[in-house]
Amino acid sequence: MAWVYLLVAGVFEWGWPIGLKLGWTEQGTHYGWIGFALFCIAASGTLLLFAQKTIPMGTAYAVWTGIGAVGAFVIGILFFNEAATLARCFFCGPHRGRYCRSEIFQWALKTWC
C-alpha cells in the first residue's frame, strides 16, 4: 500500500505547480487556484509521510520528486506551451524518469517474483 501512497503523492505533486501558475497571472490573483495548490501540497506531503512508514526515506523522496518533476515538465509542454527543446528534454526528462522506473521495477520484482 505504501507504493500506492507514493505514486498518488507524486501525482499530487503535479497539482501545485499548476495551481500556482494559474493562480498568479498578469490578470491578478485567482484564489481558487492558489487554494488548489495548497491542497495538493498538503495531500502530497501527507501521502509521502504515509509511504515513508514502509519505504526508505531516500527511495521514497527520490521517486516522489521524480514523479513530480517529470509530470510537471510534461504538463508544462502539453498544456502551457512551454518549449520542448532538446536541452530541456535532456536535462529534465530522462534522468528523473529512469530512476523512478528503476525503483518501481525493483519493488515489483520483490513483491511479485
Protein backbone atom coordinates (compact mmCIF):
# COMPACT_ATOMS: atom_id res chain seq x y z
CA MET A 1 0.00 0.00 0.00
CA ALA A 2 2.95 2.32 0.65
CA TRP A 3 3.84 2.35 -3.05
CA VAL A 4 0.29 3.32 -3.94
CA TYR A 5 0.51 6.21 -1.46
CA LEU A 6 3.81 7.22 -3.02
CA LEU A 7 2.50 7.13 -6.59
CA VAL A 8 -0.59 9.17 -5.68
CA ALA A 9 1.61 11.61 -3.75
CA GLY A 10 3.70 12.04 -6.89
CA VAL A 11 0.59 12.81 -8.93
CA PHE A 12 -0.45 15.44 -6.36
CA GLU A 13 2.98 16.97 -6.93
CA TRP A 14 1.75 17.91 -10.41
CA GLY A 15 -1.14 19.89 -8.97
CA TRP A 16 0.63 22.53 -7.00
CA PRO A 17 2.77 24.00 -9.82
CA ILE A 18 -0.38 24.07 -11.97
CA GLY A 19 -2.29 25.83 -9.19
CA LEU A 20 0.47 28.38 -8.70
CA LYS A 21 0.83 29.04 -12.43
CA LEU A 22 -2.92 29.57 -12.89
CA GLY A 23 -3.34 31.35 -9.56
CA TRP A 24 -0.82 34.10 -10.11
CA THR A 25 -1.25 35.72 -13.51
CA GLU A 26 -0.98 39.13 -15.12
CA GLN A 27 -4.75 39.47 -14.60
CA GLY A 28 -4.27 39.14 -10.84
CA THR A 29 -4.53 36.53 -8.14
CA HIS A 30 -7.01 33.68 -8.52
CA TYR A 31 -7.55 32.36 -5.01
CA GLY A 32 -9.30 29.19 -6.12
CA TRP A 33 -6.17 28.05 -7.94
CA ILE A 34 -3.97 29.10 -5.02
CA GLY A 35 -6.24 27.01 -2.76
CA PHE A 36 -5.91 24.10 -5.17
CA ALA A 37 -2.12 24.40 -4.98
CA LEU A 38 -2.18 24.43 -1.18
CA PHE A 39 -4.46 21.37 -1.13
CA CYS A 40 -2.10 19.50 -3.48
CA ILE A 41 0.92 20.42 -1.34
CA ALA A 42 -0.79 19.13 1.81
CA ALA A 43 -2.10 15.96 0.15
CA SER A 44 1.24 15.17 -1.44
CA GLY A 45 3.18 15.66 1.78
CA THR A 46 0.71 13.63 3.81
CA LEU A 47 0.82 10.71 1.38
CA LEU A 48 4.62 10.87 1.33
CA LEU A 49 4.56 10.65 5.12
CA PHE A 50 2.41 7.50 4.96
CA ALA A 51 4.64 5.97 2.27
CA GLN A 52 7.77 6.54 4.36
CA LYS A 53 6.46 4.31 7.11
CA THR A 54 7.46 1.37 4.90
CA ILE A 55 9.64 2.69 2.07
CA PRO A 56 13.10 4.02 3.00
CA MET A 57 13.18 7.82 3.09
CA GLY A 58 15.81 8.26 0.36
CA THR A 59 13.98 5.97 -2.03
CA ALA A 60 10.58 7.49 -1.30
CA TYR A 61 11.86 11.03 -1.73
CA ALA A 62 13.69 10.26 -4.98
CA VAL A 63 10.66 8.55 -6.51
CA TRP A 64 8.27 11.26 -5.25
CA THR A 65 10.33 14.11 -6.67
CA GLY A 66 10.92 12.20 -9.88
CA ILE A 67 7.21 11.64 -10.50
CA GLY A 68 6.52 15.28 -9.68
CA ALA A 69 9.34 16.71 -11.78
CA VAL A 70 8.68 14.61 -14.87
CA GLY A 71 4.92 15.10 -14.61
CA ALA A 72 5.19 18.88 -14.23
CA PHE A 73 7.68 19.00 -17.09
CA VAL A 74 5.37 17.09 -19.45
CA ILE A 75 2.25 19.02 -18.37
CA GLY A 76 4.08 22.29 -18.98
CA ILE A 77 4.90 21.24 -22.53
CA LEU A 78 1.50 19.75 -23.34
CA PHE A 79 -0.83 22.30 -21.73
CA PHE A 80 1.14 25.52 -21.15
CA ASN A 81 3.04 25.76 -24.44
CA GLU A 82 6.42 25.54 -22.77
CA ALA A 83 9.35 24.86 -25.07
CA ALA A 84 10.23 21.24 -25.77
CA THR A 85 13.81 21.94 -26.72
CA LEU A 86 16.44 19.24 -26.90
CA ALA A 87 18.31 20.78 -23.98
CA ARG A 88 15.22 20.85 -21.73
CA CYS A 89 14.32 17.28 -22.61
CA PHE A 90 17.88 16.12 -21.99
CA PHE A 91 18.31 17.85 -18.65
CA CYS A 92 14.80 17.45 -17.23
CA GLY A 93 13.22 14.31 -18.57
CA PRO A 94 15.01 11.03 -18.86
CA HIS A 95 17.24 11.15 -15.82
CA ARG A 96 14.41 11.54 -13.30
CA GLY A 97 12.12 9.13 -15.09
CA ARG A 98 14.78 6.44 -15.32
CA TYR A 99 15.33 6.47 -11.56
CA CYS A 100 11.61 6.27 -10.82
CA ARG A 101 11.11 3.40 -13.24
CA SER A 102 14.11 1.61 -11.73
CA GLU A 103 12.78 1.88 -8.16
CA ILE A 104 9.26 0.83 -9.12
CA PHE A 105 10.61 -2.09 -11.18
CA GLN A 106 12.75 -3.28 -8.25
CA TRP A 107 9.74 -3.10 -5.91
CA ALA A 108 7.61 -5.07 -8.39
CA LEU A 109 10.26 -7.77 -8.64
CA LYS A 110 10.46 -8.11 -4.84
CA THR A 111 6.71 -8.10 -4.44
CA TRP A 112 5.55 -10.39 -7.25
CA CYS A 113 8.53 -12.61 -8.05
